[in-house]
Protein backbone atom coordinates (compact mmCIF):
# COMPACT_ATOMS: atom_id res chain seq x y z
CA MET A 1 15.01 33.87 44.73
CA ASN A 2 17.10 36.16 41.82
CA THR A 3 16.26 39.46 42.57
CA LYS A 4 15.69 40.94 38.74
CA LEU A 5 13.68 37.40 37.65
CA GLU A 6 11.39 38.23 40.24
CA GLU A 7 10.93 41.61 39.72
CA GLN A 8 10.39 40.84 36.00
CA LEU A 9 7.76 37.82 36.91
CA LYS A 10 5.68 40.43 39.35
CA SER A 11 5.57 43.03 36.27
CA CYS A 12 3.81 40.12 34.44
CA GLN A 13 1.70 39.27 36.96
CA SER A 14 0.28 42.61 37.53
CA LEU A 15 -0.48 42.92 33.68
CA LEU A 16 -2.72 39.79 33.61
CA PRO A 17 -6.22 40.48 32.80
CA ASN A 18 -9.35 40.01 35.05
CA GLN A 19 -11.15 37.18 33.02
CA LEU A 20 -8.30 34.81 32.77
CA SER A 21 -9.95 31.31 32.95
CA ASP A 22 -9.32 29.47 36.31
CA VAL A 23 -6.81 26.96 34.58
CA ALA A 24 -4.60 29.51 33.43
CA ARG A 25 -4.19 31.43 36.35
CA SER A 26 -4.06 27.92 38.54
CA LYS A 27 -0.96 27.08 35.39
CA MET A 28 0.67 29.71 35.87
CA ASN A 29 0.82 30.13 39.37
CA GLU A 30 2.25 26.70 39.81
CA THR A 31 4.88 28.01 37.15
CA TYR A 32 5.87 30.55 39.27
CA GLN A 33 6.00 28.61 42.42
CA ILE A 34 8.33 25.82 40.20
CA ILE A 35 10.77 28.72 39.70
CA ARG A 36 10.67 29.95 42.81
CA GLU A 37 11.54 26.79 44.73
CA THR A 38 14.25 25.85 41.50
CA ASP A 39 16.29 29.10 42.12
CA ASN A 40 16.63 28.52 45.91
CA SER A 41 17.71 25.67 45.68
CA VAL A 42 20.64 26.21 42.92
CA SER A 43 23.29 28.19 44.17
CA SER A 44 25.50 28.83 40.65
CA ILE A 45 24.81 27.82 37.14
CA GLU A 46 26.42 24.23 36.25
CA ARG A 47 28.10 23.73 33.12
CA LYS A 48 26.55 21.82 30.79
CA THR A 49 29.65 19.02 30.14
CA ASN A 50 27.70 17.50 26.97
CA SER A 51 24.70 17.12 24.72
CA SER A 52 22.77 14.48 26.26
CA ARG A 53 20.13 14.98 27.77
CA THR A 54 20.73 15.77 31.37
CA ILE A 55 20.19 19.12 32.67
CA ASN A 56 20.93 21.23 35.95
CA LYS A 57 17.83 22.87 38.16
CA TRP A 58 18.71 26.40 36.52
CA TRP A 59 17.17 24.57 33.36
CA VAL A 60 14.23 23.33 34.88
CA SER A 61 13.52 26.79 36.32
CA THR A 62 13.85 27.82 32.37
CA ALA A 63 11.35 25.25 31.23
CA ALA A 64 9.02 26.00 33.72
CA ALA A 65 9.12 29.81 32.81
CA THR A 66 8.88 28.34 29.04
CA ILE A 67 5.64 27.28 30.08
CA LEU A 68 4.58 30.52 31.79
CA GLY A 69 5.28 31.78 28.12
CA VAL A 70 3.05 29.57 26.28
CA THR A 71 0.18 29.21 28.66
CA LEU A 72 0.24 33.07 28.16
CA ILE A 73 -0.21 32.80 24.61
CA ALA A 74 -2.29 30.14 24.42
CA SER A 75 -5.27 31.75 26.94
CA GLY A 76 -5.23 34.30 23.99
CA PHE A 77 -5.07 37.35 26.86
CA VAL A 78 -1.39 38.73 25.34
CA SER A 79 -1.86 42.68 25.55
CA PRO A 80 1.03 44.62 24.05
CA ALA A 81 1.98 45.67 27.21
CA MET A 82 1.91 42.25 28.66
CA ALA A 83 3.89 41.06 25.42
CA ASP A 84 6.64 43.90 26.23
CA ALA A 85 7.11 42.90 29.60
CA LEU A 86 7.26 39.35 28.56
CA LYS A 87 9.85 40.06 26.64
CA GLN A 88 12.39 41.24 29.58
CA ILE A 89 12.49 37.62 30.36
CA PRO A 90 14.88 35.97 28.11
CA VAL A 91 13.21 32.47 28.35
CA LEU A 92 12.27 31.94 24.75
CA GLY A 93 15.16 33.31 23.28
CA GLN A 94 17.43 31.60 25.85
CA ILE A 95 16.24 28.28 24.27
CA TYR A 96 17.51 29.81 20.59
CA SER A 97 21.24 30.30 22.78
CA LEU A 98 21.32 26.74 24.65
CA TRP A 99 20.37 25.24 20.56
CA GLY A 100 23.64 27.58 20.32
CA LYS A 101 26.23 26.08 22.84
CA ASN A 102 24.85 22.75 22.04
CA ASN A 103 25.74 22.82 18.41
CA LEU A 104 28.30 24.96 18.49
CA ASP A 105 26.06 27.65 17.26
CA PRO A 106 27.11 30.88 18.05
CA GLY A 107 24.85 32.51 15.97
CA LEU A 108 21.55 31.39 17.40
CA GLN A 109 23.28 32.91 20.45
CA GLN A 110 21.99 36.41 19.83
CA ALA A 111 19.10 35.57 17.77
CA GLU A 112 16.46 37.53 20.28
CA ASP A 113 16.28 40.40 17.92
CA PHE A 114 14.86 38.02 15.31
CA ILE A 115 12.44 35.44 16.43
CA THR A 116 8.90 35.42 15.76
CA ASN A 117 5.72 34.89 17.71
CA VAL A 118 3.20 32.59 15.63
CA ASN A 119 1.32 31.58 18.62
CA GLN A 120 -0.67 28.08 17.53
CA SER A 121 -1.78 25.51 19.46
CA VAL A 122 -3.25 22.19 18.55
CA THR A 123 -5.18 19.97 21.35
CA HIS A 124 -6.22 16.75 20.97
CA GLY A 125 -6.98 14.59 24.42
CA ASN A 126 -5.31 15.95 27.02
CA VAL A 127 -2.37 17.59 25.34
CA THR A 128 -1.84 20.65 23.76
CA MET A 129 1.24 20.76 21.49
CA ASN A 130 2.17 24.50 20.82
CA ILE A 131 4.73 26.49 18.16
CA PRO A 132 4.92 29.68 20.17
CA THR A 133 7.72 30.64 18.35
CA LEU A 134 10.07 30.52 15.30
CA LEU A 135 13.17 31.87 13.37
CA PHE A 136 14.30 32.55 9.97
CA ASP A 137 16.88 34.24 8.41
CA GLY A 138 16.27 33.10 4.93
CA THR A 139 18.59 29.79 5.27
CA ARG A 140 17.27 28.15 7.56
CA ILE A 141 14.42 27.65 10.33
CA LEU A 142 14.12 27.09 14.09
CA MET A 143 11.22 26.36 15.59
CA ASN A 144 10.37 25.55 19.92
CA VAL A 145 7.73 22.92 19.72
CA THR A 146 6.57 22.40 23.55
CA THR A 147 3.46 20.04 25.06
CA PRO A 148 3.59 21.84 28.70
CA GLY A 149 2.98 19.20 31.25
CA ASN A 150 4.31 15.85 28.35
CA HIS A 151 7.19 14.06 27.61
CA LEU A 152 7.80 14.24 24.34
CA ASP A 153 10.95 11.77 24.62
CA SER A 154 10.87 8.09 24.50
CA GLU A 155 12.01 6.18 27.92
CA PRO A 156 15.01 3.73 26.90
CA ASN A 157 14.54 0.11 26.54
CA SER A 158 10.34 0.31 28.14
CA LEU A 159 8.51 -2.59 28.77
CA SER A 160 5.62 -0.94 28.73
CA SER A 161 3.79 0.77 26.12
CA ASP A 162 2.03 3.71 28.76
CA ALA A 163 5.70 4.87 29.37
CA ASN A 164 5.88 6.30 26.11
CA ARG A 165 2.37 7.61 25.67
CA GLY A 166 2.60 11.41 24.49
CA ALA A 167 6.16 10.88 23.13
CA VAL A 168 6.68 12.10 19.57
CA ASP A 169 6.47 9.40 17.00
CA THR A 170 6.83 10.88 13.58
CA LEU A 171 7.25 14.60 12.70
CA GLU A 172 7.17 15.79 9.66
CA VAL A 173 8.23 19.56 8.03
CA LEU A 174 6.66 20.51 4.18
CA TYR A 175 7.12 22.97 2.10
CA LYS A 176 4.90 22.95 -0.80
CA GLY A 177 4.36 19.33 -0.11
CA GLN A 178 8.38 18.38 -0.50
CA PRO A 179 9.55 17.06 2.91
CA LEU A 180 12.63 18.87 4.27
CA SER A 181 15.34 17.70 6.36
CA TRP A 182 15.47 18.48 9.85
CA ASN A 183 17.41 18.25 13.11
CA SER A 184 15.98 18.75 16.58
CA ASP A 185 17.32 18.62 20.42
CA PHE A 186 15.31 18.72 23.48
CA MET A 187 15.89 21.96 25.80
CA ASP A 188 14.35 20.94 29.14
CA GLY A 189 16.63 18.09 29.95
CA LYS A 190 14.91 15.27 31.31
CA THR A 191 11.31 17.67 31.28
CA ALA A 192 11.30 17.05 27.50
CA SER A 193 8.27 18.72 27.38
CA SER A 194 10.15 21.33 24.68
CA LEU A 195 11.65 20.61 21.75
CA ILE A 196 13.65 23.22 19.41
CA VAL A 197 13.42 22.05 15.22
CA GLN A 198 15.77 23.05 12.82
CA VAL A 199 15.09 22.63 9.25
CA THR A 200 17.25 23.19 6.82
CA ASN A 201 16.11 23.99 2.81
CA THR A 202 17.39 20.64 1.25
CA THR A 203 14.49 18.17 1.10
CA ILE A 204 14.91 14.56 2.74
CA THR A 205 16.20 13.30 -0.78
CA ASN A 206 19.30 15.90 -1.01
CA GLN A 207 17.19 18.63 -3.14
CA ASN A 208 18.08 22.59 -2.67
CA VAL A 209 15.13 24.44 -1.51
CA GLN A 210 15.31 28.33 -2.74
CA PHE A 211 12.67 29.80 0.36
CA PRO A 212 11.05 33.00 -0.62
CA ASP A 213 10.61 36.00 2.16
CA GLN A 214 6.99 34.65 2.81
CA PHE A 215 5.93 31.08 2.74
CA ASP A 216 3.75 28.79 4.90
CA LEU A 217 5.21 25.84 6.25
CA SER A 218 3.27 22.92 7.05
CA VAL A 219 4.42 20.75 10.49
CA ASN A 220 2.75 17.11 11.34
CA VAL A 221 3.66 15.55 14.31
CA THR A 222 2.27 12.03 16.22
CA LEU A 223 2.86 10.90 19.29
CA LYS A 224 2.71 7.58 20.69
CA GLY A 225 -1.00 6.68 22.23
CA TYR A 226 -2.63 9.44 19.69
CA ASP A 227 -4.53 8.46 16.72
CA VAL A 228 -4.73 12.03 15.60
CA PRO A 229 -1.92 13.90 14.28
CA PHE A 230 -0.95 17.24 15.77
CA GLN A 231 -1.38 19.79 12.40
CA PHE A 232 0.23 23.12 11.98
CA VAL A 233 0.43 25.61 8.80
CA LEU A 234 3.03 28.43 10.31
CA PRO A 235 3.60 31.67 8.17
CA VAL A 236 7.17 32.37 8.27
CA THR A 237 8.58 35.43 7.78
CA LYS A 238 12.58 36.41 6.95
CA THR A 239 13.30 38.84 10.08
CA THR A 240 16.88 39.07 9.51
CA PRO A 241 18.91 41.07 6.42
CA VAL A 242 21.17 39.04 3.80
CA THR A 243 24.00 39.66 1.78
CA VAL A 244 23.36 37.40 -1.25
CA LEU A 245 26.96 36.95 -3.39
CA THR A 246 26.89 34.82 -6.56
CA SER A 247 29.72 33.37 -8.64
CA GLU A 248 28.95 31.92 -12.35
CA GLU A 249 32.99 30.92 -12.51
CA THR A 250 34.24 27.08 -12.55
CA LYS A 251 36.94 26.28 -10.98
CA HIS A 252 38.68 23.17 -12.69
CA HIS A 253 41.42 21.27 -11.45
CA ASP A 254 42.41 17.17 -11.64
CA ASN A 255 38.98 16.79 -13.54
CA ILE A 256 36.76 18.41 -10.87
CA ASN A 257 34.51 21.42 -12.34
CA MET A 258 33.54 23.44 -8.73
CA GLN A 259 31.32 26.20 -9.05
CA ILE A 260 30.70 28.50 -5.79
CA SER A 261 27.04 29.15 -6.60
CA LYS A 262 26.15 31.38 -4.10
CA LEU A 263 26.97 32.65 -0.28
CA GLU A 264 24.25 33.73 1.69
CA ILE A 265 25.59 35.92 4.61
CA THR A 266 23.06 36.70 7.48
CA PRO A 267 23.30 37.65 11.23
CA ILE A 268 22.74 33.75 11.89
CA THR A 269 23.93 32.03 9.52
CA THR A 270 26.77 32.31 6.56
CA GLN A 271 25.68 29.19 4.32
CA LEU A 272 27.70 28.14 1.07
CA SER A 273 26.20 25.90 -1.63
CA VAL A 274 29.13 24.61 -4.27
CA GLU A 275 28.27 22.42 -7.01
CA TYR A 276 29.79 20.20 -8.90
CA LYS A 277 29.74 20.29 -12.58
CA THR A 278 30.06 17.48 -15.44
CA ASN A 279 31.46 18.03 -18.61
CA PRO A 280 28.80 18.61 -21.69
CA GLY A 281 27.24 14.95 -22.16
CA GLN A 282 29.28 13.54 -19.34
CA SER A 283 27.23 11.31 -16.57
CA ILE A 284 27.88 12.31 -12.79
CA GLU A 285 29.64 8.30 -12.47
CA LYS A 286 32.10 8.93 -15.40
CA MET A 287 32.44 12.70 -13.72
CA LEU A 288 32.88 10.72 -10.32
CA ALA A 289 35.66 7.85 -12.31
CA SER A 290 37.94 10.45 -13.49
CA ILE A 291 38.17 12.12 -10.56
CA PRO A 292 41.46 11.32 -8.72
CA SER A 293 41.01 8.86 -5.80
CA GLU A 294 42.94 11.25 -3.12
CA TYR A 295 39.61 13.42 -3.46
CA LYS A 296 36.84 11.35 -3.06
CA GLY A 297 35.23 9.37 0.07
CA ALA A 298 36.29 5.73 1.63
CA ASN A 299 33.81 4.43 -0.95
CA GLY A 300 34.57 6.49 -3.84
CA GLY A 301 30.67 7.51 -4.34
CA ILE A 302 31.43 11.06 -3.79
CA ILE A 303 33.96 14.20 -3.62
CA ALA A 304 35.05 14.69 -0.66
CA LEU A 305 36.46 17.78 -0.59
CA GLN A 306 35.38 20.49 2.65
CA TYR A 307 35.63 24.19 2.42
CA ASP A 308 37.01 27.27 4.80
CA ILE A 309 35.15 30.30 4.24
CA VAL A 310 38.05 33.51 5.48
CA ASP A 311 37.64 36.52 5.16
CA GLU A 312 40.14 39.74 4.05
CA HIS A 313 41.98 39.76 7.54
CA GLY A 314 42.42 35.81 8.06
CA VAL A 315 39.61 35.65 10.31
CA GLN A 316 38.08 31.68 9.53
CA LEU A 317 34.06 30.45 9.99
CA LYS A 318 33.58 27.77 11.88
CA PRO A 319 31.18 25.09 10.30
CA ILE A 320 27.81 24.73 11.52
CA GLY A 321 26.51 20.95 11.45
CA SER A 322 27.75 17.99 9.30
CA HIS A 323 28.95 18.10 5.84
CA PRO A 324 26.72 17.05 3.09
CA ILE A 325 26.84 14.37 0.84
CA SER A 326 25.72 15.15 -3.05
CA GLU A 327 27.03 16.69 -6.27
CA SER A 328 24.95 20.22 -5.35
CA TYR A 329 24.65 20.87 -1.12
CA ASN A 330 24.84 23.48 0.90
CA ILE A 331 26.91 24.50 3.87
CA ARG A 332 26.78 26.13 6.95
CA PHE A 333 29.07 28.55 8.77
CA GLU A 334 28.87 30.46 12.28
CA PRO A 335 27.84 34.06 11.27
CA PHE A 336 30.84 36.84 10.52
CA LYS A 337 30.82 39.32 12.97
CA THR A 338 31.21 42.19 10.94
CA LEU A 339 30.10 42.55 6.89
CA PRO A 340 33.34 41.71 5.28
CA ARG A 341 35.48 43.49 1.94
CA THR A 342 36.33 40.08 0.33
CA VAL A 343 35.83 36.13 1.37
CA THR A 344 38.03 33.32 0.08
CA ILE A 345 36.25 29.85 -0.07
CA LYS A 346 39.01 27.17 0.65
CA PRO A 347 38.43 24.19 -0.47
CA TYR A 348 40.65 21.19 1.55
CA LEU A 349 41.06 17.34 1.96
CA VAL A 350 41.49 16.17 5.35
CA VAL A 351 44.51 14.66 5.72
CA SER A 352 43.78 13.39 9.40
CA GLU A 353 41.52 14.31 11.50
CA GLY A 354 41.79 14.30 15.30
CA GLN A 355 40.08 12.53 18.06
CA ALA A 356 37.04 13.52 20.16
CA PRO A 357 38.33 14.24 24.11
CA THR A 358 37.31 11.90 26.32
CA GLY A 359 33.44 11.87 27.18
CA VAL A 360 32.59 14.51 24.77
CA ILE A 361 29.16 13.17 23.19
CA GLY A 362 28.30 15.24 19.97
CA GLN A 363 29.87 18.00 18.18
CA TRP A 364 32.62 18.66 19.34
CA GLU A 365 35.46 21.38 17.59
CA ASP A 366 38.56 19.21 16.00
CA LYS A 367 42.17 21.46 16.53
CA SER A 368 44.11 19.19 15.40
CA MET A 369 42.45 18.09 11.66
CA VAL A 370 45.30 18.30 8.90
CA LYS A 371 44.03 19.50 6.13
CA LYS A 372 45.88 19.84 2.35
CA TYR A 373 44.34 23.11 0.60
CA ILE A 374 43.90 23.01 -3.38
CA PRO A 375 44.63 26.41 -4.20
CA GLU A 376 43.20 25.51 -7.80
CA LEU A 377 40.09 25.55 -6.63
CA GLU A 378 40.12 29.00 -4.59
CA THR A 379 37.35 31.18 -4.80
CA VAL A 380 37.22 34.82 -3.96
CA LEU A 381 34.20 36.93 -3.94
CA SER A 382 33.60 40.77 -3.48
CA VAL A 383 31.47 42.19 -1.56
CA GLN A 384 29.74 45.51 -2.89
C-alpha cells in the first residue's frame, strides 16, 4: 500500500475515541480494508479518458476513504486533532479536484483551502444521506452529497423497480424559496454513492441571484422507493476573497446595446455578467428584430455573441460550462493565476466550430473554432 496513505490512516486510527460505537468502528475497519486491497491491486493510476461513469480502482480507494471521512463526521467524534489528521488525507479535496478535471474547471483543482465542513446527515429507513462539505466563492456553490453503501445512480433499462431503489429521483436546491439551477456528477464511478452538485447563482427561470456572503441554502433530495425526502438547511459562507469590477458603460453596434455590468474574480472562478439593453419604450422582441441575423442564433430568438476574457499580457481565460441563453446572464471562466491590472472583454461570433475528437464524451476544448471579433463592443476594465 502507498506508505504515506498507510501512515495517515494509522494516525487517524490512533486518534479514535474509545467510546466510538461498534457500528461506526466496524464500518471504518471495513473501509480501511477496502482501501488496502484496492491499493495493492493497482500498479498505476489509469488515465480517465472521458466523463462517463466508468472509473478505475484507484478512485474506488478514494471513494472508500471518502466514506471513512463521512463515517467519522457522522459519528460526532471528530476532535480538533482528529480533524487536523483527516485534513492530511487529500480525499474530500480530491473530489473537488476530480470535478475540475472532468469539467475543464481548473479552479476546483486547488480548492482544498476553501472547503467548508458542514457535516449534516439525515436518515430515512436504512439510508443515511450526508452533506459533509461545500465550497462557496461568491459566484457558485459545490457540495458533496453521499449515501455510504447506497447506489445513487439509476440502472439504465432496468425492468425491476427494486434495482433502482435508493437512486436519486429528484433534487431541488432553494435560495429564499427560489429554485436554483444545478448540475452534478458522480465522483466514485460504478459505486455511485458520492455525488458532487454545482449550484449557480441563476434560478431555473434564468434570473440572476445576488448571493450575500452568508446565507442558508435548502436542499431537498428524494430517492426512488422512499416516500420521505431528505431535507437539509445548509449554512453557506463565502470562503474566498473576491474582486468585483463594475461598469455603467453601454456599448452600441448594429442595434446591439450591451453592458458588461460586473466581473467577479475569485481564486476559483471568474464570472462575467452581461446585459443586453433595450431602447426606451422598446420591447425585447423589437430589439431582437432590429439586430442583423448574423448576430442571432439559428432560430433568431437570441443574441449569439460569446466572449473572451484577456488580461494586459494577452493571457486568455478558458470558459467553464455552456453559454447561457438570456437577455441577462452570467458566464463562468477559469480563475486568473494572478490578479491582473486590466481586463479586456472581447465579444465574438463563432464563424465555424471544430468537431469533438472520436471517443470524447462531455466537454472538450475546441482549439479549431474560428471567431469573428466585434471590436466596437469591447470593454476594458481596470483592477484597482
